[in-house]
C-alpha atoms as a PDB file:
ATOM      1  CA  MET A   1      82.988  38.829 -91.020  1.00  0.00           C
ATOM      2  CA  GLU A   2      82.431  41.010 -87.987  1.00  0.00           C
ATOM      3  CA  ALA A   3      85.017  41.470 -85.270  1.00  0.00           C
ATOM      4  CA  LYS A   4      85.152  43.410 -82.016  1.00  0.00           C
ATOM      5  CA  ALA A   5      87.893  45.008 -79.949  1.00  0.00           C
ATOM      6  CA  GLN A   6      87.686  46.687 -76.556  1.00  0.00           C
ATOM      7  CA  ALA A   7      89.935  48.824 -74.408  1.00  0.00           C
ATOM      8  CA  ARG A   8      88.730  48.968 -70.836  1.00  0.00           C
ATOM      9  CA  TYR A   9      89.660  51.292 -67.971  1.00  0.00           C
ATOM     10  CA  VAL A  10      91.395  53.800 -70.252  1.00  0.00           C
ATOM     11  CA  ARG A  11      92.420  56.941 -68.360  1.00  0.00           C
ATOM     12  CA  VAL A  12      90.691  59.438 -70.613  1.00  0.00           C
ATOM     13  CA  THR A  13      87.343  61.083 -70.004  1.00  0.00           C
ATOM     14  CA  PRO A  14      84.449  59.565 -71.965  1.00  0.00           C
ATOM     15  CA  LEU A  15      83.471  62.983 -73.364  1.00  0.00           C
ATOM     16  CA  LYS A  16      86.891  63.481 -74.954  1.00  0.00           C
ATOM     17  CA  ALA A  17      87.015  59.908 -76.260  1.00  0.00           C
ATOM     18  CA  ARG A  18      83.529  60.223 -77.802  1.00  0.00           C
ATOM     19  CA  ARG A  19      84.684  63.243 -79.821  1.00  0.00           C
ATOM     20  CA  VAL A  20      87.355  61.070 -81.428  1.00  0.00           C
ATOM     21  CA  VAL A  21      85.125  58.013 -81.927  1.00  0.00           C
ATOM     22  CA  ASP A  22      82.402  60.106 -83.580  1.00  0.00           C
ATOM     23  CA  THR A  23      84.849  61.197 -86.298  1.00  0.00           C
ATOM     24  CA  ILE A  24      85.617  57.630 -87.437  1.00  0.00           C
ATOM     25  CA  ARG A  25      82.243  55.912 -87.098  1.00  0.00           C
ATOM     26  CA  GLY A  26      81.112  54.572 -90.491  1.00  0.00           C
ATOM     27  CA  GLN A  27      84.480  55.068 -92.210  1.00  0.00           C
ATOM     28  CA  ARG A  28      86.605  52.393 -93.805  1.00  0.00           C
ATOM     29  CA  ALA A  29      88.881  50.862 -91.179  1.00  0.00           C
ATOM     30  CA  THR A  30      92.113  51.630 -93.035  1.00  0.00           C
ATOM     31  CA  GLU A  31      91.085  55.265 -93.582  1.00  0.00           C
ATOM     32  CA  ALA A  32      90.124  55.578 -89.911  1.00  0.00           C
ATOM     33  CA  VAL A  33      93.588  54.404 -88.854  1.00  0.00           C
ATOM     34  CA  GLY A  34      95.146  57.065 -91.091  1.00  0.00           C
ATOM     35  CA  VAL A  35      92.888  59.783 -89.688  1.00  0.00           C
ATOM     36  CA  LEU A  36      93.597  58.761 -86.105  1.00  0.00           C
ATOM     37  CA  ARG A  37      97.345  58.621 -86.679  1.00  0.00           C
ATOM     38  CA  PHE A  38      97.438  62.391 -87.261  1.00  0.00           C
ATOM     39  CA  ALA A  39      94.556  63.503 -85.021  1.00  0.00           C
ATOM     40  CA  PRO A  40      95.696  66.020 -82.390  1.00  0.00           C
ATOM     41  CA  GLN A  41      93.561  64.617 -79.555  1.00  0.00           C
ATOM     42  CA  ALA A  42      95.285  62.512 -76.898  1.00  0.00           C
ATOM     43  CA  ALA A  43      92.541  59.859 -77.037  1.00  0.00           C
ATOM     44  CA  ALA A  44      93.196  59.280 -80.751  1.00  0.00           C
ATOM     45  CA  GLU A  45      96.178  57.024 -80.054  1.00  0.00           C
ATOM     46  CA  THR A  46      94.146  54.680 -77.857  1.00  0.00           C
ATOM     47  CA  VAL A  47      91.229  54.609 -80.299  1.00  0.00           C
ATOM     48  CA  ARG A  48      93.652  53.883 -83.163  1.00  0.00           C
ATOM     49  CA  LYS A  49      95.064  50.920 -81.261  1.00  0.00           C
ATOM     50  CA  VAL A  50      91.551  49.582 -80.651  1.00  0.00           C
ATOM     51  CA  VAL A  51      90.695  49.901 -84.371  1.00  0.00           C
ATOM     52  CA  GLU A  52      93.923  48.129 -85.347  1.00  0.00           C
ATOM     53  CA  SER A  53      93.123  45.384 -82.839  1.00  0.00           C
ATOM     54  CA  ALA A  54      89.639  44.962 -84.323  1.00  0.00           C
ATOM     55  CA  ILE A  55      91.178  44.640 -87.811  1.00  0.00           C
ATOM     56  CA  ALA A  56      93.587  41.995 -86.504  1.00  0.00           C
ATOM     57  CA  ASN A  57      90.709  40.160 -84.806  1.00  0.00           C
ATOM     58  CA  ALA A  58      88.806  40.136 -88.111  1.00  0.00           C
ATOM     59  CA  ARG A  59      91.881  38.722 -89.858  1.00  0.00           C
ATOM     60  CA  VAL A  60      92.153  35.901 -87.296  1.00  0.00           C
ATOM     61  CA  LYS A  61      88.431  35.108 -87.571  1.00  0.00           C
ATOM     62  CA  ALA A  62      88.676  34.965 -91.369  1.00  0.00           C
ATOM     63  CA  ASP A  63      91.709  32.671 -91.186  1.00  0.00           C
ATOM     64  CA  GLN A  64      89.931  30.334 -88.766  1.00  0.00           C
ATOM     65  CA  ALA A  65      86.840  30.228 -90.979  1.00  0.00           C
ATOM     66  CA  GLY A  66      88.930  29.728 -94.132  1.00  0.00           C
ATOM     67  CA  GLU A  67      87.536  32.845 -95.793  1.00  0.00           C
ATOM     68  CA  ALA A  68      89.378  35.360 -97.937  1.00  0.00           C
ATOM     69  CA  PHE A  69      90.348  38.479 -96.004  1.00  0.00           C
ATOM     70  CA  ASP A  70      90.429  41.975 -97.494  1.00  0.00           C
ATOM     71  CA  GLU A  71      91.450  44.663 -95.033  1.00  0.00           C
ATOM     72  CA  ASN A  72      90.258  47.431 -97.366  1.00  0.00           C
ATOM     73  CA  ALA A  73      86.705  46.060 -97.338  1.00  0.00           C
ATOM     74  CA  LEU A  74      86.325  46.492 -93.572  1.00  0.00           C
ATOM     75  CA  VAL A  75      84.119  49.308 -92.283  1.00  0.00           C
ATOM     76  CA  ILE A  76      83.690  50.509 -88.715  1.00  0.00           C
ATOM     77  CA  SER A  77      80.111  49.362 -88.237  1.00  0.00           C
ATOM     78  CA  ALA A  78      79.792  50.455 -84.607  1.00  0.00           C
ATOM     79  CA  ALA A  79      81.984  52.336 -82.175  1.00  0.00           C
ATOM     80  CA  TYR A  80      81.045  53.666 -78.787  1.00  0.00           C
ATOM     81  CA  VAL A  81      82.529  54.832 -75.499  1.00  0.00           C
ATOM     82  CA  ASP A  82      81.097  53.846 -72.132  1.00  0.00           C
ATOM     83  CA  GLU A  83      81.973  55.386 -68.798  1.00  0.00           C
ATOM     84  CA  GLY A  84      84.220  53.329 -66.547  1.00  0.00           C
ATOM     85  CA  PRO A  85      84.799  53.681 -62.824  1.00  0.00           C
ATOM     86  CA  THR A  86      85.828  57.094 -61.561  1.00  0.00           C
ATOM     87  CA  LEU A  87      88.917  57.499 -59.392  1.00  0.00           C
ATOM     88  CA  LYS A  88      88.245  59.944 -56.578  1.00  0.00           C
ATOM     89  CA  ARG A  89      91.164  62.014 -55.340  1.00  0.00           C
ATOM     90  CA  PHE A  90      91.469  65.030 -53.051  1.00  0.00           C
ATOM     91  CA  ARG A  91      93.404  68.249 -53.503  1.00  0.00           C
ATOM     92  CA  PRO A  92      94.282  70.525 -50.598  1.00  0.00           C
ATOM     93  CA  ARG A  93      92.619  73.938 -50.685  1.00  0.00           C
ATOM     94  CA  ALA A  94      92.725  77.121 -48.660  1.00  0.00           C
ATOM     95  CA  LYS A  95      92.152  77.187 -44.883  1.00  0.00           C
ATOM     96  CA  GLY A  96      92.735  73.453 -44.416  1.00  0.00           C
ATOM     97  CA  SER A  97      89.857  72.311 -46.604  1.00  0.00           C
ATOM     98  CA  ALA A  98      89.963  69.897 -49.525  1.00  0.00           C
ATOM     99  CA  SER A  99      88.208  69.591 -52.859  1.00  0.00           C
ATOM    100  CA  ARG A 100      87.431  66.444 -54.786  1.00  0.00           C
ATOM    101  CA  ILE A 101      89.166  65.612 -58.063  1.00  0.00           C
ATOM    102  CA  LEU A 102      87.361  63.121 -60.328  1.00  0.00           C
ATOM    103  CA  LYS A 103      89.652  61.135 -62.618  1.00  0.00           C
ATOM    104  CA  ARG A 104      87.332  59.511 -65.115  1.00  0.00           C
ATOM    105  CA  THR A 105      87.952  56.324 -67.092  1.00  0.00           C
ATOM    106  CA  SER A 106      86.444  54.961 -70.315  1.00  0.00           C
ATOM    107  CA  HIS A 107      85.637  51.673 -72.000  1.00  0.00           C
ATOM    108  CA  ILE A 108      86.166  52.012 -75.781  1.00  0.00           C
ATOM    109  CA  THR A 109      84.487  49.423 -78.049  1.00  0.00           C
ATOM    110  CA  VAL A 110      84.873  49.147 -81.838  1.00  0.00           C
ATOM    111  CA  PHE A 111      83.112  46.730 -84.224  1.00  0.00           C
ATOM    112  CA  VAL A 112      84.357  46.234 -87.782  1.00  0.00           C
ATOM    113  CA  GLY A 113      82.479  44.387 -90.513  1.00  0.00           C
ATOM    114  CA  ASP A 114      82.433  43.796 -94.239  1.00  0.00           C
ATOM    115  CA  ASP A 115      81.462  46.704 -96.473  1.00  0.00           C
ATOM    116  CA  SER A 116      79.130  44.665 -98.678  1.00  0.00           C
ATOM    117  CA  LYS A 117      76.903  43.512 -95.822  1.00  0.00           C
ATOM    118  CA  ASN A 118      76.791  46.869 -94.041  1.00  0.00           C
ATOM    119  CA  GLY A 119      76.254  48.918 -97.189  1.00  0.00           C
ATOM    120  CA  ALA A 120      73.224  46.906 -98.264  1.00  0.00           C
ATOM    121  CA  SER A 121      71.688  46.590 -94.816  1.00  0.00           C
ATOM    122  CA  SER A 122      72.201  50.210 -93.764  1.00  0.00           C
ATOM    123  CA  SER A 123      70.646  51.658 -96.910  1.00  0.00           C
ATOM    124  CA  ALA A 124      67.706  49.252 -96.712  1.00  0.00           C
ATOM    125  CA  ALA A 125      67.271  49.599 -92.951  1.00  0.00           C
ATOM    126  CA  GLY A 126      67.446  53.393 -92.897  1.00  0.00           C
ATOM    127  CA  PRO A 127      63.975  54.290 -94.219  1.00  0.00           C
ATOM    128  CA  LYS A 128      62.263  51.272 -92.616  1.00  0.00           C
ATOM    129  CA  LYS A 129      62.926  52.394 -89.059  1.00  0.00           C
ATOM    130  CA  GLY A 130      59.972  54.755 -89.253  1.00  0.00           C
ATOM    131  CA  ARG A 131      61.463  57.903 -87.828  1.00  0.00           C
ATOM    132  CA  THR A 132      59.108  60.818 -88.132  1.00  0.00           C
ATOM    133  CA  ARG A 133      60.121  64.381 -87.580  1.00  0.00           C
END
């Protein structure tokens, strides 16, 4: 069972949010929530809420399909941060001039899926992609 959660127009820069998302990608969902709960970055709280929402979405999908749901079997299969619209502001500077302030926003997306499906497909799909170095 795969589920998705998104947080759009979050007032954190995509670069800072990607640092947090990169730490949890591929982890078990419950472990990722624990890591994010104590992470010092400000974006960790928002990412944690998105992961918890994805877990809840998976629970609802499993209930609707009549399947058994095990929260500990969920793995973060994909997580990424896209850039949202930038708010442009101005700050007064010396001699009557102004400089531009860019307040960036992010769209945070997290996919969670079952461990059994992802474990088998990722190990089998890894060597077949044909990456040569």
